[in-house]
Amino acid sequence: MMTRKLTWGLVLLGGCALLSACGQSPVASTDTAALVTNQYVVPDGAPVPIKVMSWNLEHFVDPFDDPYVKNEKEDTPEVKPSEVLQSLAYSIKEINPDVMILEEVESDRAVRLFLDSFLPGHDYKYYAGVEAMDWYQNVVIVSRLPIGRIVSLREREITSATQNRTRNDINNRLLGAEILGPGRSRFFVAGLHLKAGRPDADVEWRKLQAGIVQEMLAHESAAEPGLPILVAGDMNMLPKSEEYVALTEGGSIKLQSPFEKWGFPFTHTADAPERTFDYIFHNSAMEAFYAAESASVPTPLSPQDMRKISDHLPVVATYNIPQ
């Protein structure tokens, strides 16, 4: 464990672990400055293209034990190998998102440490995350654009009528953040990682989670009528399932997916995708800004290398946000 702790520390100090000096890796020949582009060099008054990415990074932890979390994967941190972290950094640079919704990550601080270590010179300045009290998998929103309000449903309880059980231990992974766009524009992003599992009991929990997410979105929309809203994440549900309908049609905020018209591409498992778990949705106000045909499932590396990063593939979409 000490070796792993020192690995990221050395990266922060510079030297071989910095990508351009690490020998053979997917990133070694890549010019960081050329890929981290300034998205805001557009004519005055023209819409600004903002690319949004959601990616479940599968057990992404930092090298340090959090004394408040009792879990083997976090207590003796199962840190991804350096070459895999370099591949992740390379993929982020290639995809070049402005806003990232990341699932199964330990904390916003862990994500920032990774970016500082493996993407030196990056311009992701803003982070939103509310950690679970005693679990290591959280949702983090990372942005080049300023973040305003952060809304977490961590403490919100939900009750299963069939199981006669009340819980909130899975709701830390329901996170919202106000993104302050170019000029005076703003939009609201909800990052979700719904309850995993396929039995009927898990369907019910996901439907209950969809209900409280809809309440959150309705509250934001009531506070600012016409607010553009985007919802993204690993939903652990199949297209048009009960949970899907509950999330997209079960409340006052109707949500559409830019992926729907071309058949919901598979996102899991990364090296041999056979199901759709990962989504981007938007309300009608956000849909007005959607850049046609921009939704995609990018694969910057080989299927085998993408699987080393995560069991999920990323999903992206671009929105032309007015200034």
C-alpha atoms as a PDB file:
ATOM      1  CA  MET A   1       0.000   0.000   0.000  1.00  0.00           C
ATOM      2  CA  MET A   2       2.879   2.351   0.736  1.00  0.00           C
ATOM      3  CA  THR A   3       4.162   1.891  -2.815  1.00  0.00           C
ATOM      4  CA  ARG A   4       0.800   2.906  -4.223  1.00  0.00           C
ATOM      5  CA  LYS A   5       0.663   5.943  -1.985  1.00  0.00           C
ATOM      6  CA  LEU A   6       4.077   7.048  -3.171  1.00  0.00           C
ATOM      7  CA  THR A   7       3.132   6.547  -6.822  1.00  0.00           C
ATOM      8  CA  TRP A   8       0.621   9.401  -6.967  1.00  0.00           C
ATOM      9  CA  GLY A   9       2.812  11.534  -4.697  1.00  0.00           C
ATOM     10  CA  LEU A  10       5.691  11.262  -7.143  1.00  0.00           C
ATOM     11  CA  VAL A  11       3.387  12.208  -9.970  1.00  0.00           C
ATOM     12  CA  LEU A  12       2.525  15.420  -8.198  1.00  0.00           C
ATOM     13  CA  LEU A  13       6.215  16.217  -7.785  1.00  0.00           C
ATOM     14  CA  GLY A  14       6.963  15.633 -11.443  1.00  0.00           C
ATOM     15  CA  GLY A  15       9.485  13.301 -13.035  1.00  0.00           C
ATOM     16  CA  CYS A  16       8.950  10.020 -14.858  1.00  0.00           C
ATOM     17  CA  ALA A  17       5.310   9.626 -13.837  1.00  0.00           C
ATOM     18  CA  LEU A  18       4.310  12.730 -15.770  1.00  0.00           C
ATOM     19  CA  LEU A  19       2.807  11.511 -19.013  1.00  0.00           C
ATOM     20  CA  SER A  20       5.331  12.923 -21.445  1.00  0.00           C
ATOM     21  CA  ALA A  21       8.217  11.255 -19.604  1.00  0.00           C
ATOM     22  CA  CYS A  22       6.858   7.788 -18.834  1.00  0.00           C
ATOM     23  CA  GLY A  23       8.153   5.818 -21.775  1.00  0.00           C
ATOM     24  CA  GLN A  24       5.716   3.589 -23.649  1.00  0.00           C
ATOM     25  CA  SER A  25       2.061   4.480 -23.034  1.00  0.00           C
ATOM     26  CA  PRO A  26      -0.923   5.630 -25.096  1.00  0.00           C
ATOM     27  CA  VAL A  27      -0.262   9.152 -23.829  1.00  0.00           C
ATOM     28  CA  ALA A  28       3.465   9.376 -24.275  1.00  0.00           C
ATOM     29  CA  SER A  29       3.393  10.826 -27.776  1.00  0.00           C
ATOM     30  CA  THR A  30       0.424  13.126 -27.194  1.00  0.00           C
ATOM     31  CA  ASP A  31       0.804  16.883 -26.778  1.00  0.00           C
ATOM     32  CA  THR A  32      -1.373  17.791 -23.798  1.00  0.00           C
ATOM     33  CA  ALA A  33      -1.690  21.437 -24.733  1.00  0.00           C
ATOM     34  CA  ALA A  34      -2.927  20.551 -28.207  1.00  0.00           C
ATOM     35  CA  LEU A  35      -5.775  18.426 -26.881  1.00  0.00           C
ATOM     36  CA  VAL A  36      -6.943  20.528 -23.944  1.00  0.00           C
ATOM     37  CA  THR A  37      -8.554  23.117 -26.155  1.00  0.00           C
ATOM     38  CA  ASN A  38     -10.258  26.364 -25.271  1.00  0.00           C
ATOM     39  CA  GLN A  39     -13.890  25.754 -26.149  1.00  0.00           C
ATOM     40  CA  TYR A  40     -14.791  29.387 -25.678  1.00  0.00           C
ATOM     41  CA  VAL A  41     -12.959  30.937 -28.634  1.00  0.00           C
ATOM     42  CA  VAL A  42     -16.130  31.696 -30.596  1.00  0.00           C
ATOM     43  CA  PRO A  43     -17.466  34.897 -32.145  1.00  0.00           C
ATOM     44  CA  ASP A  44     -19.189  37.264 -29.756  1.00  0.00           C
ATOM     45  CA  GLY A  45     -22.788  36.240 -29.285  1.00  0.00           C
ATOM     46  CA  ALA A  46     -22.391  32.853 -30.971  1.00  0.00           C
ATOM     47  CA  PRO A  47     -23.467  29.721 -29.076  1.00  0.00           C
ATOM     48  CA  VAL A  48     -20.700  27.933 -27.194  1.00  0.00           C
ATOM     49  CA  PRO A  49     -20.394  24.168 -27.749  1.00  0.00           C
ATOM     50  CA  ILE A  50     -20.331  22.381 -24.388  1.00  0.00           C
ATOM     51  CA  LYS A  51     -19.574  18.662 -24.456  1.00  0.00           C
ATOM     52  CA  VAL A  52     -20.950  16.558 -21.608  1.00  0.00           C
ATOM     53  CA  MET A  53     -19.607  13.096 -20.751  1.00  0.00           C
ATOM     54  CA  SER A  54     -20.842  10.461 -18.314  1.00  0.00           C
ATOM     55  CA  TRP A  55     -18.587   7.536 -17.372  1.00  0.00           C
ATOM     56  CA  ASN A  56     -18.722   4.901 -14.651  1.00  0.00           C
ATOM     57  CA  LEU A  57     -15.041   4.418 -13.736  1.00  0.00           C
ATOM     58  CA  GLU A  58     -15.556   1.149 -11.800  1.00  0.00           C
ATOM     59  CA  HIS A  59     -14.083   1.142  -8.298  1.00  0.00           C
ATOM     60  CA  PHE A  60     -12.016   4.296  -8.769  1.00  0.00           C
ATOM     61  CA  VAL A  61     -10.215   4.992  -5.484  1.00  0.00           C
ATOM     62  CA  ASP A  62      -7.213   7.089  -4.500  1.00  0.00           C
ATOM     63  CA  PRO A  63      -4.124   5.592  -2.800  1.00  0.00           C
ATOM     64  CA  PHE A  64      -5.171   6.634   0.706  1.00  0.00           C
ATOM     65  CA  ASP A  65      -7.342   4.877   3.278  1.00  0.00           C
ATOM     66  CA  ASP A  66     -10.329   6.927   4.401  1.00  0.00           C
ATOM     67  CA  PRO A  67     -10.723   6.113   8.119  1.00  0.00           C
ATOM     68  CA  TYR A  68     -14.480   6.686   7.917  1.00  0.00           C
ATOM     69  CA  VAL A  69     -15.056   4.031   5.240  1.00  0.00           C
ATOM     70  CA  LYS A  70     -14.823   0.342   6.120  1.00  0.00           C
ATOM     71  CA  ASN A  71     -14.513  -1.564   2.854  1.00  0.00           C
ATOM     72  CA  GLU A  72     -11.691  -3.810   1.678  1.00  0.00           C
ATOM     73  CA  LYS A  73     -11.349  -2.117  -1.712  1.00  0.00           C
ATOM     74  CA  GLU A  74     -10.901   1.254   0.014  1.00  0.00           C
ATOM     75  CA  ASP A  75      -9.157   0.208   3.265  1.00  0.00           C
ATOM     76  CA  THR A  76      -6.317  -1.389   1.301  1.00  0.00           C
ATOM     77  CA  PRO A  77      -6.856   0.706  -1.797  1.00  0.00           C
ATOM     78  CA  GLU A  78      -7.163  -1.220  -5.040  1.00  0.00           C
ATOM     79  CA  VAL A  79      -5.757   1.635  -7.083  1.00  0.00           C
ATOM     80  CA  LYS A  80      -5.832   1.183 -10.819  1.00  0.00           C
ATOM     81  CA  PRO A  81      -2.326   0.542 -12.212  1.00  0.00           C
ATOM     82  CA  SER A  82      -0.397   3.541 -13.505  1.00  0.00           C
ATOM     83  CA  GLU A  83      -0.678   2.395 -17.121  1.00  0.00           C
ATOM     84  CA  VAL A  84      -4.471   2.190 -16.776  1.00  0.00           C
ATOM     85  CA  LEU A  85      -4.624   5.654 -15.235  1.00  0.00           C
ATOM     86  CA  GLN A  86      -2.540   6.920 -18.144  1.00  0.00           C
ATOM     87  CA  SER A  87      -5.017   5.314 -20.547  1.00  0.00           C
ATOM     88  CA  LEU A  88      -7.876   7.005 -18.701  1.00  0.00           C
ATOM     89  CA  ALA A  89      -6.101  10.362 -18.911  1.00  0.00           C
ATOM     90  CA  TYR A  90      -5.484   9.825 -22.624  1.00  0.00           C
ATOM     91  CA  SER A  91      -9.153   8.974 -23.180  1.00  0.00           C
ATOM     92  CA  ILE A  92     -10.339  12.090 -21.355  1.00  0.00           C
ATOM     93  CA  LYS A  93      -8.021  14.240 -23.477  1.00  0.00           C
ATOM     94  CA  GLU A  94      -9.225  12.587 -26.665  1.00  0.00           C
ATOM     95  CA  ILE A  95     -12.917  12.949 -25.779  1.00  0.00           C
ATOM     96  CA  ASN A  96     -12.263  16.466 -24.403  1.00  0.00           C
ATOM     97  CA  PRO A  97     -15.479  16.961 -22.395  1.00  0.00           C
ATOM     98  CA  ASP A  98     -16.294  20.280 -20.724  1.00  0.00           C
ATOM     99  CA  VAL A  99     -18.472  18.672 -18.055  1.00  0.00           C
ATOM    100  CA  MET A 100     -17.866  15.168 -16.711  1.00  0.00           C
ATOM    101  CA  ILE A 101     -20.314  13.117 -14.643  1.00  0.00           C
ATOM    102  CA  LEU A 102     -18.307  10.295 -13.091  1.00  0.00           C
ATOM    103  CA  GLU A 103     -19.746   7.312 -11.232  1.00  0.00           C
ATOM    104  CA  GLU A 104     -18.134   4.838  -8.824  1.00  0.00           C
ATOM    105  CA  VAL A 105     -15.440   7.337  -7.816  1.00  0.00           C
ATOM    106  CA  GLU A 106     -14.274   7.769  -4.246  1.00  0.00           C
ATOM    107  CA  SER A 107     -14.514  11.553  -4.000  1.00  0.00           C
ATOM    108  CA  ASP A 108     -14.100  14.859  -5.791  1.00  0.00           C
ATOM    109  CA  ARG A 109     -10.668  15.141  -4.148  1.00  0.00           C
ATOM    110  CA  ALA A 110      -9.626  11.763  -5.559  1.00  0.00           C
ATOM    111  CA  VAL A 111     -10.677  12.854  -9.053  1.00  0.00           C
ATOM    112  CA  ARG A 112      -8.818  16.141  -8.734  1.00  0.00           C
ATOM    113  CA  LEU A 113      -5.677  14.352  -7.526  1.00  0.00           C
ATOM    114  CA  PHE A 114      -5.861  12.034 -10.534  1.00  0.00           C
ATOM    115  CA  LEU A 115      -6.311  14.902 -12.990  1.00  0.00           C
ATOM    116  CA  ASP A 116      -3.525  16.943 -11.412  1.00  0.00           C
ATOM    117  CA  SER A 117      -1.230  13.909 -11.510  1.00  0.00           C
ATOM    118  CA  PHE A 118      -1.991  12.409 -14.915  1.00  0.00           C
ATOM    119  CA  LEU A 119      -3.276  15.415 -16.869  1.00  0.00           C
ATOM    120  CA  PRO A 120      -0.885  18.198 -15.897  1.00  0.00           C
ATOM    121  CA  GLY A 121      -2.060  21.558 -17.186  1.00  0.00           C
ATOM    122  CA  HIS A 122      -5.722  20.517 -17.374  1.00  0.00           C
ATOM    123  CA  ASP A 123      -8.368  23.225 -17.019  1.00  0.00           C
ATOM    124  CA  TYR A 124     -10.982  21.413 -14.927  1.00  0.00           C
ATOM    125  CA  LYS A 125     -11.356  23.924 -12.107  1.00  0.00           C
ATOM    126  CA  TYR A 126     -14.726  23.072 -10.568  1.00  0.00           C
ATOM    127  CA  TYR A 127     -15.870  19.965  -8.670  1.00  0.00           C
ATOM    128  CA  ALA A 128     -19.114  18.821  -7.067  1.00  0.00           C
ATOM    129  CA  GLY A 129     -19.402  15.768  -4.849  1.00  0.00           C
ATOM    130  CA  VAL A 130     -21.133  14.699  -1.646  1.00  0.00           C
ATOM    131  CA  GLU A 131     -19.654  11.492  -0.273  1.00  0.00           C
ATOM    132  CA  ALA A 132     -21.524   8.635   1.355  1.00  0.00           C
ATOM    133  CA  MET A 133     -21.126   8.416   5.102  1.00  0.00           C
ATOM    134  CA  ASP A 134     -19.655   4.911   5.015  1.00  0.00           C
ATOM    135  CA  TRP A 135     -19.272   3.817   1.375  1.00  0.00           C
ATOM    136  CA  TYR A 136     -16.610   4.518  -1.238  1.00  0.00           C
ATOM    137  CA  GLN A 137     -18.633   4.736  -4.472  1.00  0.00           C
ATOM    138  CA  ASN A 138     -19.912   8.227  -5.193  1.00  0.00           C
ATOM    139  CA  VAL A 139     -20.877  10.487  -8.086  1.00  0.00           C
ATOM    140  CA  VAL A 140     -18.678  13.481  -8.909  1.00  0.00           C
ATOM    141  CA  ILE A 141     -19.352  16.287 -11.393  1.00  0.00           C
ATOM    142  CA  VAL A 142     -16.251  17.946 -12.863  1.00  0.00           C
ATOM    143  CA  SER A 143     -16.453  21.086 -14.980  1.00  0.00           C
ATOM    144  CA  ARG A 144     -14.457  23.657 -16.867  1.00  0.00           C
ATOM    145  CA  LEU A 145     -17.446  25.929 -16.371  1.00  0.00           C
ATOM    146  CA  PRO A 146     -18.166  27.403 -12.938  1.00  0.00           C
ATOM    147  CA  ILE A 147     -20.475  25.425 -10.657  1.00  0.00           C
ATOM    148  CA  GLY A 148     -23.137  27.170  -8.598  1.00  0.00           C
ATOM    149  CA  ARG A 149     -25.555  25.297  -6.320  1.00  0.00           C
ATOM    150  CA  ILE A 150     -24.829  21.680  -5.426  1.00  0.00           C
ATOM    151  CA  VAL A 151     -27.833  19.525  -4.528  1.00  0.00           C
ATOM    152  CA  SER A 152     -27.484  16.084  -2.917  1.00  0.00           C
ATOM    153  CA  LEU A 153     -30.166  13.532  -2.082  1.00  0.00           C
ATOM    154  CA  ARG A 154     -27.817  11.614   0.237  1.00  0.00           C
ATOM    155  CA  GLU A 155     -30.021  11.923   3.303  1.00  0.00           C
ATOM    156  CA  ARG A 156     -33.357  11.477   1.522  1.00  0.00           C
ATOM    157  CA  GLU A 157     -35.134   8.324   2.672  1.00  0.00           C
ATOM    158  CA  ILE A 158     -37.168   6.085   0.403  1.00  0.00           C
ATOM    159  CA  THR A 159     -39.531   3.320   1.530  1.00  0.00           C
ATOM    160  CA  SER A 160     -40.285   0.014  -0.179  1.00  0.00           C
ATOM    161  CA  ALA A 161     -43.890  -1.020   0.303  1.00  0.00           C
ATOM    162  CA  THR A 162     -43.193  -4.607  -0.746  1.00  0.00           C
ATOM    163  CA  GLN A 163     -40.152  -5.000   1.525  1.00  0.00           C
ATOM    164  CA  ASN A 164     -41.479  -2.804   4.348  1.00  0.00           C
ATOM    165  CA  ARG A 165     -38.058  -1.166   4.522  1.00  0.00           C
ATOM    166  CA  THR A 166     -36.873   2.438   4.614  1.00  0.00           C
ATOM    167  CA  ARG A 167     -33.358   3.342   3.516  1.00  0.00           C
ATOM    168  CA  ASN A 168     -31.154   6.178   2.251  1.00  0.00           C
ATOM    169  CA  ASP A 169     -27.821   4.368   1.908  1.00  0.00           C
ATOM    170  CA  ILE A 170     -28.002   4.318  -1.907  1.00  0.00           C
ATOM    171  CA  ASN A 171     -29.045   7.926  -2.428  1.00  0.00           C
ATOM    172  CA  ASN A 172     -25.630   9.554  -2.024  1.00  0.00           C
ATOM    173  CA  ARG A 173     -25.263   8.719  -5.718  1.00  0.00           C
ATOM    174  CA  LEU A 174     -28.016  11.140  -6.724  1.00  0.00           C
ATOM    175  CA  LEU A 175     -26.292  14.496  -7.211  1.00  0.00           C
ATOM    176  CA  GLY A 176     -27.217  17.754  -8.915  1.00  0.00           C
ATOM    177  CA  ALA A 177     -25.215  20.851  -9.768  1.00  0.00           C
ATOM    178  CA  GLU A 178     -25.953  24.191 -11.369  1.00  0.00           C
ATOM    179  CA  ILE A 179     -23.536  24.877 -14.231  1.00  0.00           C
ATOM    180  CA  LEU A 180     -22.927  28.564 -14.924  1.00  0.00           C
ATOM    181  CA  GLY A 181     -22.518  28.742 -18.664  1.00  0.00           C
ATOM    182  CA  PRO A 182     -21.104  31.408 -20.944  1.00  0.00           C
ATOM    183  CA  GLY A 183     -22.451  34.913 -20.494  1.00  0.00           C
ATOM    184  CA  ARG A 184     -25.467  34.783 -18.179  1.00  0.00           C
ATOM    185  CA  SER A 185     -26.631  31.319 -19.191  1.00  0.00           C
ATOM    186  CA  ARG A 186     -27.000  28.400 -16.800  1.00  0.00           C
ATOM    187  CA  PHE A 187     -28.215  24.832 -16.829  1.00  0.00           C
ATOM    188  CA  PHE A 188     -28.746  22.105 -14.245  1.00  0.00           C
ATOM    189  CA  VAL A 189     -26.983  18.746 -14.381  1.00  0.00           C
ATOM    190  CA  ALA A 190     -28.094  15.685 -12.415  1.00  0.00           C
ATOM    191  CA  GLY A 191     -25.574  12.858 -12.135  1.00  0.00           C
ATOM    192  CA  LEU A 192     -27.162   9.532 -11.219  1.00  0.00           C
ATOM    193  CA  HIS A 193     -25.960   6.069 -10.324  1.00  0.00           C
ATOM    194  CA  LEU A 194     -29.139   4.128  -9.651  1.00  0.00           C
ATOM    195  CA  LYS A 195     -29.330   0.953  -7.575  1.00  0.00           C
ATOM    196  CA  ALA A 196     -27.565  -1.967  -9.238  1.00  0.00           C
ATOM    197  CA  GLY A 197     -29.129  -5.371  -9.736  1.00  0.00           C
ATOM    198  CA  ARG A 198     -31.942  -6.836 -11.788  1.00  0.00           C
ATOM    199  CA  PRO A 199     -34.324  -8.592  -9.345  1.00  0.00           C
ATOM    200  CA  ASP A 200     -37.782  -7.125  -8.855  1.00  0.00           C
ATOM    201  CA  ALA A 201     -36.713  -5.620  -5.530  1.00  0.00           C
ATOM    202  CA  ASP A 202     -33.995  -3.605  -7.252  1.00  0.00           C
ATOM    203  CA  VAL A 203     -36.461  -2.403  -9.889  1.00  0.00           C
ATOM    204  CA  GLU A 204     -38.587  -1.005  -7.086  1.00  0.00           C
ATOM    205  CA  TRP A 205     -35.629   0.809  -5.503  1.00  0.00           C
ATOM    206  CA  ARG A 206     -34.672   2.337  -8.854  1.00  0.00           C
ATOM    207  CA  LYS A 207     -38.266   3.497  -9.389  1.00  0.00           C
ATOM    208  CA  LEU A 208     -38.261   5.083  -5.935  1.00  0.00           C
ATOM    209  CA  GLN A 209     -34.968   6.801  -6.721  1.00  0.00           C
ATOM    210  CA  ALA A 210     -36.405   8.032 -10.026  1.00  0.00           C
ATOM    211  CA  GLY A 211     -39.289   9.547  -8.072  1.00  0.00           C
ATOM    212  CA  ILE A 212     -37.104  11.618  -5.756  1.00  0.00           C
ATOM    213  CA  VAL A 213     -34.919  12.689  -8.677  1.00  0.00           C
ATOM    214  CA  GLN A 214     -38.053  13.932 -10.420  1.00  0.00           C
ATOM    215  CA  GLU A 215     -38.921  15.877  -7.249  1.00  0.00           C
ATOM    216  CA  MET A 216     -35.457  17.465  -7.279  1.00  0.00           C
ATOM    217  CA  LEU A 217     -35.772  18.459 -10.934  1.00  0.00           C
ATOM    218  CA  ALA A 218     -39.274  19.852 -10.411  1.00  0.00           C
ATOM    219  CA  HIS A 219     -38.025  21.953  -7.510  1.00  0.00           C
ATOM    220  CA  GLU A 220     -35.182  23.378  -9.612  1.00  0.00           C
ATOM    221  CA  SER A 221     -37.526  24.082 -12.512  1.00  0.00           C
ATOM    222  CA  ALA A 222     -40.092  25.778 -10.270  1.00  0.00           C
ATOM    223  CA  ALA A 223     -37.379  28.040  -8.852  1.00  0.00           C
ATOM    224  CA  GLU A 224     -36.298  28.990 -12.378  1.00  0.00           C
ATOM    225  CA  PRO A 225     -38.985  28.314 -15.008  1.00  0.00           C
ATOM    226  CA  GLY A 226     -37.544  27.273 -18.344  1.00  0.00           C
ATOM    227  CA  LEU A 227     -34.327  26.002 -16.752  1.00  0.00           C
ATOM    228  CA  PRO A 228     -32.412  23.687 -19.128  1.00  0.00           C
ATOM    229  CA  ILE A 229     -31.898  20.333 -17.409  1.00  0.00           C
ATOM    230  CA  LEU A 230     -29.581  17.442 -18.262  1.00  0.00           C
ATOM    231  CA  VAL A 231     -29.575  14.050 -16.522  1.00  0.00           C
ATOM    232  CA  ALA A 232     -26.777  11.536 -17.073  1.00  0.00           C
ATOM    233  CA  GLY A 233     -25.203   8.509 -15.482  1.00  0.00           C
ATOM    234  CA  ASP A 234     -25.143   4.765 -14.994  1.00  0.00           C
ATOM    235  CA  MET A 235     -28.822   4.016 -14.492  1.00  0.00           C
ATOM    236  CA  ASN A 236     -28.600   0.202 -14.197  1.00  0.00           C
ATOM    237  CA  MET A 237     -31.824  -0.022 -16.199  1.00  0.00           C
ATOM    238  CA  LEU A 238     -32.695  -1.132 -19.681  1.00  0.00           C
ATOM    239  CA  PRO A 239     -34.359   1.140 -22.254  1.00  0.00           C
ATOM    240  CA  LYS A 240     -38.133   1.478 -21.835  1.00  0.00           C
ATOM    241  CA  SER A 241     -38.084  -0.508 -18.579  1.00  0.00           C
ATOM    242  CA  GLU A 242     -40.326   0.414 -15.638  1.00  0.00           C
ATOM    243  CA  GLU A 243     -37.527   2.491 -14.101  1.00  0.00           C
ATOM    244  CA  TYR A 244     -36.842   4.191 -17.425  1.00  0.00           C
ATOM    245  CA  VAL A 245     -40.461   5.246 -17.728  1.00  0.00           C
ATOM    246  CA  ALA A 246     -40.539   6.385 -14.085  1.00  0.00           C
ATOM    247  CA  LEU A 247     -37.519   8.605 -14.619  1.00  0.00           C
ATOM    248  CA  THR A 248     -38.441  10.063 -17.988  1.00  0.00           C
ATOM    249  CA  GLU A 249     -42.246  10.286 -17.725  1.00  0.00           C
ATOM    250  CA  GLY A 250     -43.129   9.762 -14.082  1.00  0.00           C
ATOM    251  CA  GLY A 251     -43.018  13.388 -12.995  1.00  0.00           C
ATOM    252  CA  SER A 252     -43.561  16.898 -14.237  1.00  0.00           C
ATOM    253  CA  ILE A 253     -40.140  17.090 -15.928  1.00  0.00           C
ATOM    254  CA  LYS A 254     -40.328  15.082 -19.127  1.00  0.00           C
ATOM    255  CA  LEU A 255     -36.973  13.774 -20.295  1.00  0.00           C
ATOM    256  CA  GLN A 256     -35.820  12.624 -23.716  1.00  0.00           C
ATOM    257  CA  SER A 257     -32.624  10.846 -24.759  1.00  0.00           C
ATOM    258  CA  PRO A 258     -30.641  11.900 -27.839  1.00  0.00           C
ATOM    259  CA  PHE A 259     -29.679   8.216 -28.194  1.00  0.00           C
ATOM    260  CA  GLU A 260     -33.231   6.948 -28.547  1.00  0.00           C
ATOM    261  CA  LYS A 261     -33.681   7.536 -32.250  1.00  0.00           C
ATOM    262  CA  TRP A 262     -30.704   5.358 -33.145  1.00  0.00           C
ATOM    263  CA  GLY A 263     -31.552   2.469 -30.880  1.00  0.00           C
ATOM    264  CA  PHE A 264     -29.709   3.027 -27.603  1.00  0.00           C
ATOM    265  CA  PRO A 265     -26.163   1.790 -28.293  1.00  0.00           C
ATOM    266  CA  PHE A 266     -24.775  -0.763 -25.855  1.00  0.00           C
ATOM    267  CA  THR A 267     -22.423   0.527 -23.147  1.00  0.00           C
ATOM    268  CA  HIS A 268     -21.741  -2.545 -20.976  1.00  0.00           C
ATOM    269  CA  THR A 269     -19.486  -4.531 -20.830  1.00  0.00           C
ATOM    270  CA  ALA A 270     -16.807  -2.279 -22.308  1.00  0.00           C
ATOM    271  CA  ASP A 271     -14.936  -4.868 -24.383  1.00  0.00           C
ATOM    272  CA  ALA A 272     -18.039  -6.704 -25.601  1.00  0.00           C
ATOM    273  CA  PRO A 273     -21.063  -4.434 -25.089  1.00  0.00           C
ATOM    274  CA  GLU A 274     -24.375  -6.273 -24.926  1.00  0.00           C
ATOM    275  CA  ARG A 275     -26.684  -3.999 -22.898  1.00  0.00           C
ATOM    276  CA  THR A 276     -27.444  -0.321 -22.315  1.00  0.00           C
ATOM    277  CA  PHE A 277     -26.971   0.971 -18.768  1.00  0.00           C
ATOM    278  CA  ASP A 278     -25.555   4.457 -19.407  1.00  0.00           C
ATOM    279  CA  TYR A 279     -27.678   7.392 -20.559  1.00  0.00           C
ATOM    280  CA  ILE A 280     -27.913  11.084 -21.237  1.00  0.00           C
ATOM    281  CA  PHE A 281     -31.353  12.713 -20.995  1.00  0.00           C
ATOM    282  CA  HIS A 282     -32.520  16.305 -21.359  1.00  0.00           C
ATOM    283  CA  ASN A 283     -35.700  18.305 -20.906  1.00  0.00           C
ATOM    284  CA  SER A 284     -37.224  20.315 -23.742  1.00  0.00           C
ATOM    285  CA  ALA A 285     -35.354  23.494 -22.754  1.00  0.00           C
ATOM    286  CA  MET A 286     -31.994  21.696 -22.942  1.00  0.00           C
ATOM    287  CA  GLU A 287     -33.008  19.794 -26.070  1.00  0.00           C
ATOM    288  CA  ALA A 288     -33.266  23.131 -27.890  1.00  0.00           C
ATOM    289  CA  PHE A 289     -29.473  23.449 -27.505  1.00  0.00           C
ATOM    290  CA  TYR A 290     -28.598  19.883 -28.520  1.00  0.00           C
ATOM    291  CA  ALA A 291     -26.048  19.678 -31.347  1.00  0.00           C
ATOM    292  CA  ALA A 292     -27.606  17.289 -33.830  1.00  0.00           C
ATOM    293  CA  GLU A 293     -25.959  13.856 -34.121  1.00  0.00           C
ATOM    294  CA  SER A 294     -23.429  14.676 -31.378  1.00  0.00           C
ATOM    295  CA  ALA A 295     -24.498  11.880 -28.994  1.00  0.00           C
ATOM    296  CA  SER A 296     -22.030   9.014 -29.143  1.00  0.00           C
ATOM    297  CA  VAL A 297     -20.267   6.233 -27.257  1.00  0.00           C
ATOM    298  CA  PRO A 298     -16.589   7.087 -27.777  1.00  0.00           C
ATOM    299  CA  THR A 299     -13.891   4.407 -27.662  1.00  0.00           C
ATOM    300  CA  PRO A 300     -10.493   6.150 -27.881  1.00  0.00           C
ATOM    301  CA  LEU A 301      -8.627   2.883 -27.208  1.00  0.00           C
ATOM    302  CA  SER A 302      -8.977  -0.783 -28.131  1.00  0.00           C
ATOM    303  CA  PRO A 303     -11.814  -2.766 -26.552  1.00  0.00           C
ATOM    304  CA  GLN A 304      -9.298  -4.545 -24.330  1.00  0.00           C
ATOM    305  CA  ASP A 305      -7.789  -1.272 -23.091  1.00  0.00           C
ATOM    306  CA  MET A 306     -11.208   0.310 -22.563  1.00  0.00           C
ATOM    307  CA  ARG A 307     -12.145  -2.692 -20.397  1.00  0.00           C
ATOM    308  CA  LYS A 308      -9.023  -2.199 -18.267  1.00  0.00           C
ATOM    309  CA  ILE A 309     -10.282   1.292 -17.424  1.00  0.00           C
ATOM    310  CA  SER A 310     -13.851   0.253 -16.623  1.00  0.00           C
ATOM    311  CA  ASP A 311     -16.586  -2.248 -17.344  1.00  0.00           C
ATOM    312  CA  HIS A 312     -18.649   0.659 -18.743  1.00  0.00           C
ATOM    313  CA  LEU A 313     -18.117   2.789 -21.832  1.00  0.00           C
ATOM    314  CA  PRO A 314     -18.531   6.577 -21.691  1.00  0.00           C
ATOM    315  CA  VAL A 315     -21.441   8.407 -23.298  1.00  0.00           C
ATOM    316  CA  VAL A 316     -21.230  11.988 -24.614  1.00  0.00           C
ATOM    317  CA  ALA A 317     -23.377  14.702 -26.162  1.00  0.00           C
ATOM    318  CA  THR A 318     -22.740  18.330 -27.118  1.00  0.00           C
ATOM    319  CA  TYR A 319     -24.998  21.321 -26.471  1.00  0.00           C
ATOM    320  CA  ASN A 320     -24.657  24.735 -28.090  1.00  0.00           C
ATOM    321  CA  ILE A 321     -25.230  26.990 -25.102  1.00  0.00           C
ATOM    322  CA  PRO A 322     -26.147  30.617 -25.923  1.00  0.00           C
ATOM    323  CA  GLN A 323     -24.014  33.396 -24.466  1.00  0.00           C
END
